[in-house]
Structure formats: structure tokens, C-alpha cells
Protein backbone atom coordinates (compact mmCIF):
# COMPACT_ATOMS: atom_id res chain seq x y z
CA UNK A 1 -16.45 12.52 -22.67
CA UNK A 2 -14.60 14.00 -19.13
CA UNK A 3 -15.74 14.43 -15.27
CA UNK A 4 -13.77 17.00 -13.41
CA UNK A 5 -14.61 19.19 -10.48
CA UNK A 6 -16.32 21.97 -11.42
CA UNK A 7 -18.33 24.87 -10.38
CA UNK A 8 -21.94 25.46 -10.87
CA UNK A 9 -22.93 29.36 -9.88
CA UNK A 10 -27.08 30.14 -10.05
CA UNK A 11 -28.56 33.24 -8.67
CA UNK A 12 -32.13 33.62 -7.58
CA UNK A 13 -33.35 36.82 -6.14
CA UNK A 14 -29.88 38.35 -5.81
CA UNK A 15 -28.92 35.12 -3.81
CA UNK A 16 -25.88 32.78 -5.59
CA UNK A 17 -25.10 29.45 -4.67
CA UNK A 18 -22.42 26.82 -5.49
CA UNK A 19 -22.96 23.69 -6.86
CA UNK A 20 -19.64 21.59 -6.71
CA UNK A 21 -19.69 18.53 -8.70
CA UNK A 22 -17.00 16.26 -6.82
CA UNK A 23 -14.98 13.43 -8.48
CA UNK A 24 -16.06 9.54 -7.54
CA UNK A 25 -12.93 8.83 -6.90
CA UNK A 26 -9.52 11.09 -4.87
CA UNK A 27 -6.57 9.70 -5.88
CA UNK A 28 -3.43 10.49 -3.72
CA UNK A 29 0.15 9.86 -4.89
CA UNK A 30 2.71 10.74 -2.27
CA UNK A 31 5.79 11.93 -3.93
CA UNK A 32 9.47 11.58 -3.42
CA UNK A 33 12.29 11.86 -5.10
CA UNK A 34 10.91 9.60 -7.81
CA UNK A 35 11.99 11.37 -10.94
CA UNK A 36 12.72 8.52 -13.15
CA UNK A 37 9.35 7.10 -12.56
CA UNK A 38 6.95 9.64 -11.53
CA UNK A 39 5.48 10.88 -15.34
CA UNK A 40 5.15 6.81 -16.09
CA UNK A 41 3.25 6.06 -12.58
CA UNK A 42 0.54 9.33 -13.56
CA UNK A 43 0.21 7.77 -17.16
CA UNK A 44 -1.32 4.64 -15.75
CA UNK A 45 -3.57 6.88 -13.93
CA UNK A 46 -4.91 9.36 -17.14
CA UNK A 47 -5.34 6.23 -18.81
CA UNK A 48 -8.05 4.47 -16.93
CA UNK A 49 -11.19 3.43 -18.66
CA UNK A 50 -12.82 4.86 -15.18
CA UNK A 51 -12.28 8.42 -15.68
CA UNK A 52 -14.25 10.29 -12.54
CA UNK A 53 -11.82 11.23 -10.47
CA UNK A 54 -8.92 13.86 -9.60
CA UNK A 55 -5.40 13.10 -8.67
CA UNK A 56 -3.68 14.81 -6.12
CA UNK A 57 0.40 14.53 -6.20
CA UNK A 58 1.59 15.55 -2.62
CA UNK A 59 5.11 16.50 -3.57
CA UNK A 60 6.59 15.51 -0.09
CA UNK A 61 9.77 18.09 -0.12
CA UNK A 62 11.78 16.55 -2.97
CA UNK A 63 15.26 17.39 -4.03
CA UNK A 64 15.46 16.05 -7.61
CA UNK A 65 13.34 16.80 -10.50
CA UNK A 66 10.51 15.24 -9.50
CA UNK A 67 7.83 18.56 -9.16
CA UNK A 68 8.88 19.63 -12.08
CA UNK A 69 7.89 16.86 -14.21
CA UNK A 70 4.64 16.64 -12.67
CA UNK A 71 3.97 19.60 -13.57
CA UNK A 72 5.06 19.29 -17.35
CA UNK A 73 1.79 17.42 -17.22
CA UNK A 74 -1.14 18.90 -18.33
CA UNK A 75 -4.47 17.67 -17.28
CA UNK A 76 -6.76 19.26 -14.93
CA UNK A 77 -8.01 16.69 -12.93
CA UNK A 78 -4.47 16.81 -11.86
CA UNK A 79 -3.63 18.75 -8.41
CA UNK A 80 0.09 19.33 -7.09
CA UNK A 81 0.65 20.34 -3.80
CA UNK A 82 4.36 20.59 -2.61
CA UNK A 83 5.27 20.69 1.21
CA UNK A 84 8.38 20.55 3.56
CA UNK A 85 9.67 16.87 4.47
CA UNK A 86 7.60 15.40 6.95
CA UNK A 87 7.42 11.76 5.63
CA UNK A 88 5.13 9.23 3.64
CA UNK A 89 2.23 9.38 6.11
CA UNK A 90 1.88 12.81 6.82
CA UNK A 91 1.87 13.21 3.02
CA UNK A 92 -0.86 10.93 2.78
CA UNK A 93 -2.63 12.51 5.06
CA UNK A 94 -2.49 15.89 3.80
CA UNK A 95 -3.96 14.05 0.35
CA UNK A 96 -6.54 12.62 2.00
CA UNK A 97 -7.56 16.47 3.75
CA UNK A 98 -7.31 18.00 0.22
CA UNK A 99 -9.66 15.43 -1.29
CA UNK A 100 -13.21 16.31 -2.37
CA UNK A 101 -14.49 12.81 -3.41
CA UNK A 102 -15.26 10.31 -0.14
CA UNK A 103 -13.86 7.53 -2.09
CA UNK A 104 -9.89 7.62 -1.24
CA UNK A 105 -7.46 5.65 -3.88
CA UNK A 106 -3.65 5.64 -3.15
CA UNK A 107 -0.74 4.82 -5.21
CA UNK A 108 2.64 5.10 -4.66
CA UNK A 109 4.62 7.26 -6.81
CA UNK A 110 6.56 4.52 -8.59
CA UNK A 111 4.22 2.00 -9.30
CA UNK A 112 1.66 1.33 -11.97
CA UNK A 113 -1.84 0.74 -12.52
CA UNK A 114 -3.40 -1.01 -15.52
CA UNK A 115 -6.15 0.45 -16.97
CA UNK A 116 -8.60 -1.35 -15.80
CA UNK A 117 -7.98 -0.41 -11.83
CA UNK A 118 -10.75 1.86 -11.29
CA UNK A 119 -12.73 0.42 -13.02
CA UNK A 120 -12.57 -2.96 -10.91
CA UNK A 121 -13.01 -0.81 -7.82
CA UNK A 122 -15.82 1.37 -8.51
CA UNK A 123 -17.70 -2.70 -9.22
CA UNK A 124 -16.67 -4.33 -5.71
CA UNK A 125 -18.38 -1.02 -4.22
CA UNK A 126 -21.69 -1.53 -6.36
CA UNK A 127 -21.45 -4.98 -4.54
CA UNK A 128 -20.70 -4.02 -1.63
CA UNK A 129 -20.64 -0.53 -0.70
CA UNK A 130 -20.11 -0.80 3.20
CA UNK A 131 -17.03 -2.55 3.23
CA UNK A 132 -14.13 -0.54 5.55
CA UNK A 133 -10.94 -1.10 2.96
CA UNK A 134 -11.30 -2.52 -0.90
CA UNK A 135 -8.23 -4.04 -2.12
CA UNK A 136 -7.53 -5.60 -5.67
CA UNK A 137 -4.46 -8.44 -6.60
CA UNK A 138 -1.15 -6.90 -7.84
CA UNK A 139 1.74 -8.58 -9.17
CA UNK A 140 5.64 -7.30 -8.05
CA UNK A 141 8.48 -6.51 -10.66
CA UNK A 142 11.58 -7.94 -9.61
CA UNK A 143 14.66 -7.65 -11.83
CA UNK A 144 12.45 -6.61 -14.68
CA UNK A 145 9.99 -9.92 -14.50
CA UNK A 146 6.62 -9.56 -13.66
CA UNK A 147 5.64 -12.03 -10.19
CA UNK A 148 2.23 -13.13 -9.09
CA UNK A 149 1.33 -12.90 -5.56
CA UNK A 150 0.10 -15.88 -3.30
CA UNK A 151 -2.94 -15.10 -0.77
CA UNK A 152 -3.13 -17.47 1.74
CA UNK A 153 -6.96 -19.77 1.67
CA UNK A 154 -7.84 -17.87 -1.84
CA UNK A 155 -7.68 -20.21 -4.71
CA UNK A 156 -10.63 -18.68 -6.90
CA UNK A 157 -8.73 -16.77 -9.72
CA UNK A 158 -11.47 -14.16 -10.06
CA UNK A 159 -12.45 -14.04 -6.31
CA UNK A 160 -14.34 -11.20 -5.38
CA UNK A 161 -16.00 -11.09 -2.31
CA UNK A 162 -16.53 -9.81 1.36
CA UNK A 163 -12.75 -11.95 2.74
CA UNK A 164 -14.24 -14.48 5.64
CA UNK A 165 -10.12 -13.39 7.41
CA UNK A 166 -8.33 -10.89 6.19
CA UNK A 167 -5.32 -11.83 8.66
CA UNK A 168 -5.15 -14.94 7.52
CA UNK A 169 -5.59 -14.17 3.63
CA UNK A 170 -2.34 -12.27 4.36
CA UNK A 171 -0.06 -14.91 5.35
CA UNK A 172 1.75 -14.76 2.08
CA UNK A 173 1.57 -12.09 0.32
CA UNK A 174 -0.75 -9.46 2.40
CA UNK A 175 -4.03 -8.66 0.29
CA UNK A 176 -3.88 -4.62 1.10
CA UNK A 177 -0.97 -2.90 -0.73
CA UNK A 178 -0.72 0.61 -0.57
CA UNK A 179 -1.17 1.28 -4.42
CA UNK A 180 -4.04 -1.34 -4.85
CA UNK A 181 -6.53 0.00 -2.18
CA UNK A 182 -9.62 2.35 -1.52
CA UNK A 183 -10.51 3.13 1.46
CA UNK A 184 -13.81 5.44 2.24
CA UNK A 185 -12.72 8.84 3.53
CA UNK A 186 -15.04 8.28 6.79
CA UNK A 187 -12.92 5.55 7.87
CA UNK A 188 -9.88 7.55 7.88
CA UNK A 189 -12.00 10.09 10.02
CA UNK A 190 -12.99 7.18 12.21
CA UNK A 191 -9.18 6.02 12.60
CA UNK A 192 -7.23 8.96 12.61
CA UNK A 193 -5.20 8.35 9.56
CA UNK A 194 -1.89 7.48 9.19
CA UNK A 195 0.24 7.39 12.41
CA UNK A 196 2.68 10.44 11.49
CA UNK A 197 5.22 8.91 14.07
CA UNK A 198 5.86 5.73 11.58
CA UNK A 199 8.02 5.77 8.57
CA UNK A 200 8.08 1.96 8.08
CA UNK A 201 4.97 -0.45 8.50
CA UNK A 202 2.24 2.70 8.52
CA UNK A 203 0.41 1.01 6.34
CA UNK A 204 0.33 -1.99 7.55
CA UNK A 205 -0.81 -0.60 10.94
CA UNK A 206 -3.61 1.12 8.98
CA UNK A 207 -4.48 -2.10 7.31
CA UNK A 208 -4.87 -4.16 10.86
CA UNK A 209 -6.80 -1.17 12.45
CA UNK A 210 -9.67 -1.59 9.58
CA UNK A 211 -9.88 -5.41 9.56
CA UNK A 212 -10.55 -5.17 13.08
CA UNK A 213 -13.28 -3.77 12.81
CA UNK A 214 -14.40 -3.45 9.45
CA UNK A 215 -15.26 -5.95 6.52
CA UNK A 216 -12.46 -6.11 3.55
CA UNK A 217 -13.30 -6.74 -0.04
CA UNK A 218 -10.75 -8.11 -2.37
CA UNK A 219 -11.15 -8.91 -6.21
CA UNK A 220 -8.65 -11.45 -6.93
CA UNK A 221 -7.77 -9.95 -10.07
CA UNK A 222 -4.55 -8.24 -11.26
CA UNK A 223 -4.84 -4.12 -11.85
CA UNK A 224 -1.55 -2.92 -9.92
CA UNK A 225 2.06 -3.52 -10.45
CA UNK A 226 4.31 -2.99 -7.53
CA UNK A 227 8.18 -1.45 -8.43
CA UNK A 228 10.31 -3.29 -6.89
CA UNK A 229 13.39 -1.92 -8.65
CA UNK A 230 12.45 1.18 -8.27
CA UNK A 231 15.47 2.87 -6.29
CA UNK A 232 14.69 4.53 -2.48
CA UNK A 233 12.93 2.09 -0.90
CA UNK A 234 12.47 2.54 2.71
CA UNK A 235 12.74 -1.18 3.32
CA UNK A 236 16.76 -1.19 1.92
CA UNK A 237 17.37 1.20 5.49
CA UNK A 238 18.84 0.15 8.55
CA UNK A 239 15.83 -0.33 11.00
CA UNK A 240 17.58 1.65 13.58
CA UNK A 241 17.20 4.82 11.21
CA UNK A 242 13.35 4.31 10.83
CA UNK A 243 10.34 4.50 13.31
CA UNK A 244 8.54 1.08 12.92
CA UNK A 245 5.13 0.31 13.96
CA UNK A 246 4.50 -1.22 17.05
CA UNK A 247 3.25 -4.89 16.40
CA UNK A 248 2.83 -5.54 20.44
CA UNK A 249 0.51 -3.35 20.62
CA UNK A 250 -2.16 -5.72 18.69
CA UNK A 251 -1.70 -8.76 21.01
CA UNK A 252 -4.66 -7.83 22.83
CA UNK A 253 -7.00 -8.63 19.92
CA UNK A 254 -5.59 -12.02 19.07
CA UNK A 255 -7.90 -13.93 21.57
CA UNK A 256 -10.95 -12.61 19.52
CA UNK A 257 -9.23 -12.69 16.20
CA UNK A 258 -6.75 -16.15 16.58
CA UNK A 259 -5.75 -15.28 13.22
CA UNK A 260 -3.64 -12.19 13.92
CA UNK A 261 -1.07 -13.53 16.02
CA UNK A 262 0.43 -15.88 12.88
CA UNK A 263 -0.35 -13.03 11.26
CA UNK A 264 1.78 -10.53 14.02
CA UNK A 265 4.38 -13.69 14.15
CA UNK A 266 5.12 -13.82 10.20
CA UNK A 267 5.66 -9.83 10.10
CA UNK A 268 7.97 -10.10 13.53
CA UNK A 269 10.01 -12.49 11.29
CA UNK A 270 9.73 -9.97 7.92
CA UNK A 271 11.33 -7.49 10.32
CA UNK A 272 14.00 -9.98 12.14
CA UNK A 273 15.39 -10.88 8.79
CA UNK A 274 15.84 -7.55 7.71
CA UNK A 275 17.49 -6.28 11.17
CA UNK A 276 19.61 -9.79 10.38
CA UNK A 277 20.63 -8.39 6.86
CA UNK A 278 21.87 -4.91 8.00
CA UNK A 279 23.79 -6.08 10.91
CA UNK A 280 21.21 -5.17 13.85
CA UNK A 281 21.60 -8.60 15.80
CA UNK A 282 20.09 -7.57 19.16
CA UNK A 283 17.16 -5.65 17.29
CA UNK A 284 16.60 -9.08 15.36
CA UNK A 285 16.49 -10.76 18.31
CA UNK A 286 13.89 -8.45 19.71
CA UNK A 287 11.79 -9.54 16.82
CA UNK A 288 12.73 -13.32 16.52
CA UNK A 289 12.20 -14.32 20.18
CA UNK A 290 8.84 -13.26 20.52
CA UNK A 291 7.35 -15.75 17.72
CA UNK A 292 6.01 -18.75 18.58
CA UNK A 293 7.73 -21.62 15.92
CA UNK A 294 3.78 -23.17 15.57
CA UNK A 295 3.22 -20.16 13.33
CA UNK A 296 6.27 -20.05 10.78
CA UNK A 297 6.78 -22.74 8.59
CA UNK A 298 10.24 -24.93 8.12
CA UNK A 299 12.04 -22.65 6.14
CA UNK A 300 11.25 -19.63 8.14
CA UNK A 301 12.54 -21.91 11.13
CA UNK A 302 15.74 -22.51 9.54
CA UNK A 303 16.64 -18.78 8.77
CA UNK A 304 15.91 -17.79 12.21
CA UNK A 305 18.41 -19.84 13.76
CA UNK A 306 20.82 -19.37 10.96
CA UNK A 307 23.25 -16.90 10.96
CA UNK A 308 23.73 -14.04 9.73
CA UNK A 309 26.09 -15.11 6.66
CA UNK A 310 23.43 -18.10 5.91
CA UNK A 311 20.94 -15.22 5.57
CA UNK A 312 23.20 -13.46 3.38
CA UNK A 313 24.17 -16.27 1.18
CA UNK A 314 20.52 -17.60 1.25
CA UNK A 315 19.78 -13.39 -0.16
CA UNK A 316 22.47 -13.47 -2.78
CA UNK A 317 20.86 -16.94 -4.15
CA UNK A 318 17.64 -16.08 -4.06
CA UNK A 319 19.10 -12.68 -6.37
CA UNK A 320 20.42 -15.16 -8.57
CA UNK A 321 17.54 -17.31 -9.15
CA UNK A 322 15.58 -13.75 -10.04
CA UNK A 323 17.62 -13.33 -12.93
CA UNK A 324 16.27 -16.97 -14.03
CA UNK A 325 13.34 -15.74 -13.68
CA UNK A 326 12.74 -18.02 -10.67
CA UNK A 327 11.24 -16.67 -7.68
CA UNK A 328 11.41 -18.33 -4.02
CA UNK A 329 10.19 -16.67 -0.92
CA UNK A 330 10.26 -18.17 2.70
CA UNK A 331 6.60 -17.21 2.70
CA UNK A 332 5.70 -20.12 1.26
């Protein structure tokens, strides 16, 4: 049995009434030049065990054959919108505006959902209906190998509950990921959606704003695969060519959320390392000088004070080890 949006027309004494049946979930996929992955991504949605959804693909001005591939998929739940290229934040906000459901799920155009993903989120909503964000566990595909994520302070393999501290739980891998979350539409209305002035860190900006004011529900059951083997990943671009989120604006909240300061410093470390790798040394210094050394581990302290050449060599060694299915990280 399948569920779709449809309209029932009822007539009574020459009056016409329309009853619109809403899907339980609206799924938004922002799409830009992902012709190698988009059909696999969409098929992972269409293969869900929980089928009461609509799928909204927002083609953000792709210059390859991505849109044509979407059009070739025959499923009445699928809607394709093509807009001028204005960035992922605008594409997501556009999809949210088109959504008919009050529950909005997101999926990047090169990632994969396991067949139980929506089923898991539905279960989470049933248990904790007042949460501001619902997050599911995910793994990362790197060089063809899947690596399980590590969530700080969460040891139970099947943890399913409201997080005591979102920021602390995200010290290693982030609890929230843009392909593994569901956020009620009313929360987006309250926040004003994704910041369209940003093209990097716009998702982290939303996660922080939600975590400051709402409960976060997390299910430590892997239902998403993040594809780090994909092309066109924005993290590969020079930060000077990106509009990056302002971490400093959240400092005023660290008095009431003590774990937030460490969370911000860990993100500063990540951005600083990206800057070093791309040779943006002044910008790297700007991020790294603001870090409280008590908030980073010994490996991160070593990399922080190391010259760029050492960082490049460390990255090369990490890539070699990953080909041997060994995933070393400075975050643990």
C-alpha cells in the first residue's frame, strides 16, 4: 500500500470543499551537479519501509545531467523544482517552503539512507513528540570503506533518548548531520531557516541554534551513509572563497552552556586545519589563536603548533592508512 498527496473533492449544496491529505514526512534534497550519485540517493529514499512521504528535489542550477536523471524516475511522490544557482541554504529553504508535511527530513544528493531510516525517525517522534530536532546515527564511506562514527559521552549501542548535552555528545563526530536529521517545520519558522548568507557551516549554525533552545532526540542506530568519496564537496575549497559561519557570535551563550565553548573550539580547530592545508595561514591563525588549549586533545595541540608541511604529511599518512581500512583521527 502506498500513500500519496491527493485531493478529495466533496460537494454539498453547490459548495465545493477540498480535503488535502498530507504526507507524514517531506524529504528535501538540494541538488547541484551530482549526476554520478543522485539516482542511487533517490532510490534509497524510494526503498524506505515507511512510505508515507513526499520527496522534494531542488535542482540548484546544475550544469550536468542531474535534473534529467531525476526526471527519468517514475514515482508520484517525487517532485523536482529547478531554480537558479543560489547555494545550498537557499535550496533547502526553498524545499521547506514547498513541503506539505510538518516534519522535514533532509538528504544530501550523494548520501544514502538505509531502508529503516524513516521508520526509525517515526519511532522517535512517537516516543518524544516535542523535540526540536531528531538525529540518527550514521557511518562514513571513505575510499570505499564504511567507518562507524564516535559520539562522545554516548556508549550505549542502541541509545534512544533526549540528549542530556548535545554539544558534549558532538565533541568527536557531530550528532547532527544534514542527511540524518528531521526538524519540525515550526522550528524552521521560529529560526528563520538556513542562513542564506553562508555557504559553509550553514548546517552547524542551525544545529547550534536549535540545541540552545530545544530538546534533541538521538537514536544510536545507523541508518545513513555519508559519502566522502563524492565529488564537488565544498570542504575542499579554499575558505577564503567561502562564506563561513561566525563561531564567535555564539560565545555569549557559553556562560549558560559550558560545553558549548569546547564545542566551538573544536570547530575552530577543524577550520584552522583546513586553512593550513590550503595555505591560508593568516586565516588559520585567526581561528587557532582563539582556542582554549584545555579544550583540545594532545594530537590536536601537536597539529596546532606544527608547520604546514607536517600537516600535509600527516594528511597523506592518514589517506594511506585509510586505504588499509585504518581510520585515524585527531578528534579521538
